[in-house]
């Protein structure tokens, strides 16, 4: 997936909005006012941050070299995903979906 494909996929989510609150190099995707993905535009490769269950976050980091602790985020709850071809588009979408679901679930409480 490239930056535009990630952007388009995020905007398909119900209630998803995009903004540039941190400047022109990071697109922030929110639903119900809560961030579910940050997409970096200033690196040589695509990368994004997604929210993740803390236990699953650790598992993903151990299993995939493209999954790192969340850059500039709470590393317990966020992962940075380097889009370098080592994880399939299907898997990237699953991680985006999980992040979106965690944010939506939290809103309903």
N, C-alpha and C. Protein backbone atom coordinates (compact mmCIF):
# COMPACT_ATOMS: atom_id res chain seq x y z
N UNK A 1 0.85 -1.19 0.00
CA UNK A 1 0.00 0.00 0.00
C UNK A 1 0.89 1.24 0.00
N UNK A 2 0.46 2.22 -0.74
CA UNK A 2 1.17 3.49 -0.72
C UNK A 2 0.36 4.50 0.09
N UNK A 3 0.89 5.70 0.22
CA UNK A 3 0.25 6.74 1.04
C UNK A 3 -1.19 7.00 0.59
N UNK A 4 -1.41 7.12 -0.69
CA UNK A 4 -2.76 7.42 -1.19
C UNK A 4 -3.72 6.27 -0.92
N UNK A 5 -3.27 5.04 -1.05
CA UNK A 5 -4.13 3.88 -0.77
C UNK A 5 -4.49 3.82 0.72
N UNK A 6 -3.53 4.11 1.57
CA UNK A 6 -3.79 4.13 3.01
C UNK A 6 -4.81 5.23 3.32
N UNK A 7 -4.59 6.40 2.75
CA UNK A 7 -5.50 7.53 2.96
C UNK A 7 -6.92 7.17 2.52
N UNK A 8 -7.05 6.64 1.33
CA UNK A 8 -8.37 6.27 0.80
C UNK A 8 -9.04 5.22 1.68
N UNK A 9 -8.27 4.24 2.15
CA UNK A 9 -8.84 3.19 3.00
C UNK A 9 -9.35 3.78 4.31
N UNK A 10 -8.58 4.68 4.91
CA UNK A 10 -9.01 5.31 6.16
C UNK A 10 -10.29 6.11 5.98
N UNK A 11 -10.39 6.82 4.87
CA UNK A 11 -11.56 7.66 4.64
C UNK A 11 -12.83 6.86 4.32
N UNK A 12 -12.67 5.57 4.04
CA UNK A 12 -13.85 4.71 3.84
C UNK A 12 -14.54 4.37 5.17
N UNK A 13 -13.83 4.55 6.27
CA UNK A 13 -14.39 4.23 7.58
C UNK A 13 -15.50 5.22 7.94
N UNK A 14 -16.56 4.70 8.54
CA UNK A 14 -17.69 5.53 8.93
C UNK A 14 -17.24 6.65 9.87
N UNK A 15 -17.56 7.87 9.52
CA UNK A 15 -17.24 9.02 10.36
C UNK A 15 -15.80 9.47 10.33
N UNK A 16 -14.99 8.87 9.47
CA UNK A 16 -13.56 9.23 9.41
C UNK A 16 -13.37 10.63 8.85
N UNK A 17 -12.46 11.35 9.47
CA UNK A 17 -12.09 12.70 9.03
C UNK A 17 -10.58 12.78 8.99
N UNK A 18 -10.06 13.61 8.09
CA UNK A 18 -8.61 13.82 8.05
C UNK A 18 -8.30 15.28 8.31
N UNK A 19 -7.13 15.51 8.89
CA UNK A 19 -6.68 16.87 9.15
C UNK A 19 -5.15 16.87 9.22
N UNK A 20 -4.60 18.08 9.29
CA UNK A 20 -3.16 18.27 9.37
C UNK A 20 -2.80 19.13 10.59
N UNK A 21 -3.18 18.72 11.80
CA UNK A 21 -2.97 19.57 12.97
C UNK A 21 -1.51 19.75 13.37
N UNK A 22 -0.64 18.86 12.91
CA UNK A 22 0.77 18.92 13.28
C UNK A 22 1.64 19.45 12.15
N UNK A 23 1.00 20.01 11.12
CA UNK A 23 1.75 20.53 9.98
C UNK A 23 1.53 19.67 8.75
N UNK A 24 2.17 20.04 7.65
CA UNK A 24 1.90 19.39 6.36
C UNK A 24 2.51 18.00 6.19
N UNK A 25 3.26 17.51 7.18
CA UNK A 25 3.96 16.24 7.01
C UNK A 25 3.27 15.04 7.65
N UNK A 26 2.15 15.27 8.34
CA UNK A 26 1.45 14.17 9.00
C UNK A 26 -0.06 14.35 8.85
N UNK A 27 -0.70 13.36 8.21
CA UNK A 27 -2.16 13.36 8.11
C UNK A 27 -2.70 12.60 9.32
N UNK A 28 -3.64 13.20 10.00
CA UNK A 28 -4.26 12.59 11.17
C UNK A 28 -5.68 12.17 10.79
N UNK A 29 -6.00 10.92 11.06
CA UNK A 29 -7.34 10.40 10.79
C UNK A 29 -8.04 10.16 12.13
N UNK A 30 -9.25 10.71 12.24
CA UNK A 30 -10.03 10.61 13.47
C UNK A 30 -11.42 10.10 13.16
N UNK A 31 -12.03 9.54 14.18
CA UNK A 31 -13.45 9.25 14.16
C UNK A 31 -13.98 9.66 15.53
N UNK A 32 -15.10 10.32 15.54
CA UNK A 32 -15.69 10.81 16.80
C UNK A 32 -14.69 11.64 17.60
N UNK A 33 -13.83 12.36 16.90
CA UNK A 33 -12.86 13.23 17.56
C UNK A 33 -11.64 12.52 18.12
N UNK A 34 -11.53 11.22 17.91
CA UNK A 34 -10.42 10.43 18.44
C UNK A 34 -9.53 9.93 17.30
N UNK A 35 -8.23 10.02 17.49
CA UNK A 35 -7.27 9.59 16.47
C UNK A 35 -7.24 8.07 16.38
N UNK A 36 -7.30 7.56 15.14
CA UNK A 36 -7.10 6.13 14.94
C UNK A 36 -5.90 5.84 14.05
N UNK A 37 -5.36 6.86 13.34
CA UNK A 37 -4.18 6.64 12.51
C UNK A 37 -3.49 7.96 12.22
N UNK A 38 -2.17 7.93 12.26
CA UNK A 38 -1.35 9.07 11.85
C UNK A 38 -0.48 8.58 10.70
N UNK A 39 -0.52 9.29 9.59
CA UNK A 39 0.19 8.89 8.37
C UNK A 39 1.29 9.90 8.08
N UNK A 40 2.52 9.43 8.11
CA UNK A 40 3.67 10.30 7.89
C UNK A 40 3.90 10.52 6.40
N UNK A 41 4.13 11.77 6.04
CA UNK A 41 4.40 12.12 4.65
C UNK A 41 5.84 12.57 4.44
N UNK A 42 6.63 12.65 5.51
CA UNK A 42 7.97 13.23 5.39
C UNK A 42 9.10 12.21 5.42
N UNK A 43 8.78 10.93 5.32
CA UNK A 43 9.83 9.92 5.28
C UNK A 43 9.99 9.39 3.87
N UNK A 44 11.09 8.73 3.61
CA UNK A 44 11.34 8.19 2.28
C UNK A 44 10.46 7.00 1.94
N UNK A 45 9.81 6.44 2.94
CA UNK A 45 8.92 5.30 2.75
C UNK A 45 7.61 5.58 3.50
N UNK A 46 6.59 4.84 3.17
CA UNK A 46 5.31 5.03 3.86
C UNK A 46 5.41 4.43 5.26
N UNK A 47 4.86 5.15 6.22
CA UNK A 47 4.73 4.61 7.57
C UNK A 47 3.55 5.29 8.25
N UNK A 48 2.94 4.55 9.16
CA UNK A 48 1.81 5.10 9.90
C UNK A 48 1.78 4.53 11.31
N UNK A 49 1.12 5.26 12.19
CA UNK A 49 0.91 4.83 13.57
C UNK A 49 -0.54 4.41 13.73
N UNK A 50 -0.74 3.28 14.41
CA UNK A 50 -2.08 2.80 14.71
C UNK A 50 -2.17 2.39 16.16
N UNK A 51 -3.35 2.54 16.72
CA UNK A 51 -3.63 2.11 18.08
C UNK A 51 -3.72 0.59 18.09
N UNK A 52 -3.32 -0.02 19.21
CA UNK A 52 -3.31 -1.47 19.28
C UNK A 52 -3.49 -1.92 20.73
N UNK A 53 -4.15 -3.04 20.92
CA UNK A 53 -4.23 -3.66 22.24
C UNK A 53 -2.80 -3.89 22.72
N UNK A 54 -2.47 -3.53 23.97
CA UNK A 54 -1.08 -3.64 24.44
C UNK A 54 -0.45 -5.03 24.29
N UNK A 55 -1.19 -6.08 24.59
CA UNK A 55 -0.64 -7.43 24.45
C UNK A 55 -0.39 -7.78 22.99
N UNK A 56 -1.33 -7.43 22.14
CA UNK A 56 -1.18 -7.69 20.72
C UNK A 56 -0.04 -6.85 20.13
N UNK A 57 0.12 -5.62 20.62
CA UNK A 57 1.19 -4.75 20.14
C UNK A 57 2.54 -5.42 20.32
N UNK A 58 2.76 -5.99 21.48
CA UNK A 58 4.03 -6.67 21.77
C UNK A 58 4.21 -7.89 20.85
N UNK A 59 3.14 -8.65 20.65
CA UNK A 59 3.21 -9.83 19.78
C UNK A 59 3.58 -9.43 18.35
N UNK A 60 2.93 -8.37 17.85
CA UNK A 60 3.20 -7.93 16.48
C UNK A 60 4.64 -7.45 16.31
N UNK A 61 5.15 -6.75 17.32
CA UNK A 61 6.53 -6.27 17.26
C UNK A 61 7.51 -7.42 17.23
N UNK A 62 7.20 -8.49 17.95
CA UNK A 62 8.07 -9.66 17.99
C UNK A 62 8.02 -10.45 16.68
N UNK A 63 6.86 -10.44 16.04
CA UNK A 63 6.67 -11.24 14.83
C UNK A 63 7.07 -10.52 13.54
N UNK A 64 6.88 -9.21 13.48
CA UNK A 64 7.10 -8.46 12.24
C UNK A 64 8.15 -7.36 12.44
N UNK A 65 9.17 -7.38 11.63
CA UNK A 65 10.22 -6.36 11.73
C UNK A 65 9.71 -4.99 11.30
N UNK A 66 8.60 -4.94 10.58
CA UNK A 66 8.04 -3.66 10.13
C UNK A 66 7.16 -3.00 11.19
N UNK A 67 6.97 -3.66 12.33
CA UNK A 67 6.15 -3.12 13.42
C UNK A 67 7.06 -2.69 14.56
N UNK A 68 6.99 -1.41 14.87
CA UNK A 68 7.84 -0.82 15.91
C UNK A 68 6.97 -0.13 16.97
N UNK A 69 7.54 0.14 18.14
CA UNK A 69 6.78 0.92 19.12
C UNK A 69 6.39 2.27 18.51
N UNK A 70 5.24 2.77 18.85
CA UNK A 70 4.70 4.00 18.26
C UNK A 70 5.61 5.20 18.38
N UNK A 71 6.03 5.73 17.27
CA UNK A 71 6.89 6.91 17.22
C UNK A 71 6.13 8.13 17.73
N UNK A 72 6.66 8.80 18.73
CA UNK A 72 6.04 9.97 19.36
C UNK A 72 4.66 9.67 19.97
N UNK A 73 4.43 8.42 20.31
CA UNK A 73 3.14 8.02 20.87
C UNK A 73 3.37 7.20 22.14
N UNK A 74 2.29 6.89 22.86
CA UNK A 74 2.37 5.99 23.99
C UNK A 74 2.71 4.60 23.45
N UNK A 75 3.91 4.14 23.74
CA UNK A 75 4.40 2.90 23.14
C UNK A 75 3.68 1.64 23.64
N UNK A 76 2.92 1.78 24.70
CA UNK A 76 2.13 0.65 25.18
C UNK A 76 0.91 0.42 24.28
N UNK A 77 0.35 1.50 23.74
CA UNK A 77 -0.91 1.42 23.01
C UNK A 77 -0.80 1.71 21.51
N UNK A 78 0.38 2.10 21.03
CA UNK A 78 0.52 2.49 19.63
C UNK A 78 1.71 1.79 18.97
N UNK A 79 1.52 1.41 17.72
CA UNK A 79 2.60 0.85 16.91
C UNK A 79 2.84 1.73 15.70
N UNK A 80 4.08 1.80 15.28
CA UNK A 80 4.43 2.40 14.00
C UNK A 80 4.63 1.26 13.02
N UNK A 81 3.99 1.37 11.87
CA UNK A 81 4.08 0.36 10.82
C UNK A 81 4.90 0.95 9.67
N UNK A 82 6.00 0.29 9.33
CA UNK A 82 6.81 0.68 8.18
C UNK A 82 6.29 -0.12 6.99
N UNK A 83 5.82 0.57 5.98
CA UNK A 83 5.25 -0.10 4.80
C UNK A 83 6.40 -0.37 3.82
N UNK A 84 6.96 -1.57 3.94
CA UNK A 84 8.12 -1.93 3.12
C UNK A 84 7.92 -3.23 2.34
N UNK A 85 6.69 -3.72 2.29
CA UNK A 85 6.40 -4.94 1.55
C UNK A 85 6.50 -6.21 2.38
N UNK A 86 6.97 -6.12 3.62
CA UNK A 86 7.10 -7.33 4.42
C UNK A 86 5.78 -7.78 5.04
N UNK A 87 4.80 -6.88 5.07
CA UNK A 87 3.44 -7.23 5.52
C UNK A 87 2.49 -6.97 4.36
N UNK A 88 1.57 -7.88 4.14
CA UNK A 88 0.63 -7.76 3.02
C UNK A 88 -0.34 -6.60 3.21
N UNK A 89 -0.93 -6.16 2.13
CA UNK A 89 -1.97 -5.12 2.21
C UNK A 89 -3.12 -5.57 3.08
N UNK A 90 -3.45 -6.84 3.02
CA UNK A 90 -4.52 -7.39 3.85
C UNK A 90 -4.19 -7.23 5.32
N UNK A 91 -2.96 -7.52 5.69
CA UNK A 91 -2.54 -7.37 7.08
C UNK A 91 -2.51 -5.91 7.51
N UNK A 92 -2.03 -5.03 6.64
CA UNK A 92 -2.03 -3.60 6.96
C UNK A 92 -3.46 -3.11 7.20
N UNK A 93 -4.38 -3.53 6.36
CA UNK A 93 -5.78 -3.14 6.52
C UNK A 93 -6.35 -3.69 7.83
N UNK A 94 -5.96 -4.90 8.19
CA UNK A 94 -6.42 -5.49 9.46
C UNK A 94 -5.96 -4.64 10.64
N UNK A 95 -4.71 -4.17 10.60
CA UNK A 95 -4.19 -3.34 11.68
C UNK A 95 -4.89 -1.99 11.73
N UNK A 96 -5.21 -1.45 10.57
CA UNK A 96 -5.98 -0.19 10.51
C UNK A 96 -7.38 -0.42 11.07
N UNK A 97 -8.00 -1.51 10.67
CA UNK A 97 -9.34 -1.85 11.16
C UNK A 97 -9.35 -2.01 12.68
N UNK A 98 -8.33 -2.69 13.21
CA UNK A 98 -8.24 -2.90 14.66
C UNK A 98 -8.14 -1.56 15.40
N UNK A 99 -7.32 -0.66 14.87
CA UNK A 99 -7.16 0.66 15.48
C UNK A 99 -8.48 1.42 15.48
N UNK A 100 -9.13 1.42 14.34
CA UNK A 100 -10.43 2.10 14.20
C UNK A 100 -11.43 1.52 15.20
N UNK A 101 -11.48 0.20 15.30
CA UNK A 101 -12.43 -0.47 16.20
C UNK A 101 -12.14 -0.12 17.67
N UNK A 102 -10.86 -0.05 18.04
CA UNK A 102 -10.51 0.31 19.41
C UNK A 102 -10.99 1.72 19.75
N UNK A 103 -10.84 2.64 18.82
CA UNK A 103 -11.27 4.02 19.05
C UNK A 103 -12.79 4.08 19.12
N UNK A 104 -13.49 3.41 18.22
CA UNK A 104 -14.96 3.39 18.23
C UNK A 104 -15.48 2.74 19.53
N UNK A 105 -14.85 1.64 19.95
CA UNK A 105 -15.26 0.94 21.16
C UNK A 105 -15.11 1.84 22.37
N UNK A 106 -14.00 2.57 22.44
CA UNK A 106 -13.77 3.47 23.57
C UNK A 106 -14.83 4.56 23.63
N UNK A 107 -15.25 5.07 22.48
CA UNK A 107 -16.25 6.13 22.40
C UNK A 107 -17.59 5.68 22.98
N UNK A 108 -17.93 4.41 22.80
CA UNK A 108 -19.24 3.90 23.22
C UNK A 108 -19.34 3.70 24.71
N UNK A 109 -18.24 3.71 25.42
CA UNK A 109 -18.27 3.45 26.87
C UNK A 109 -18.94 4.56 27.62
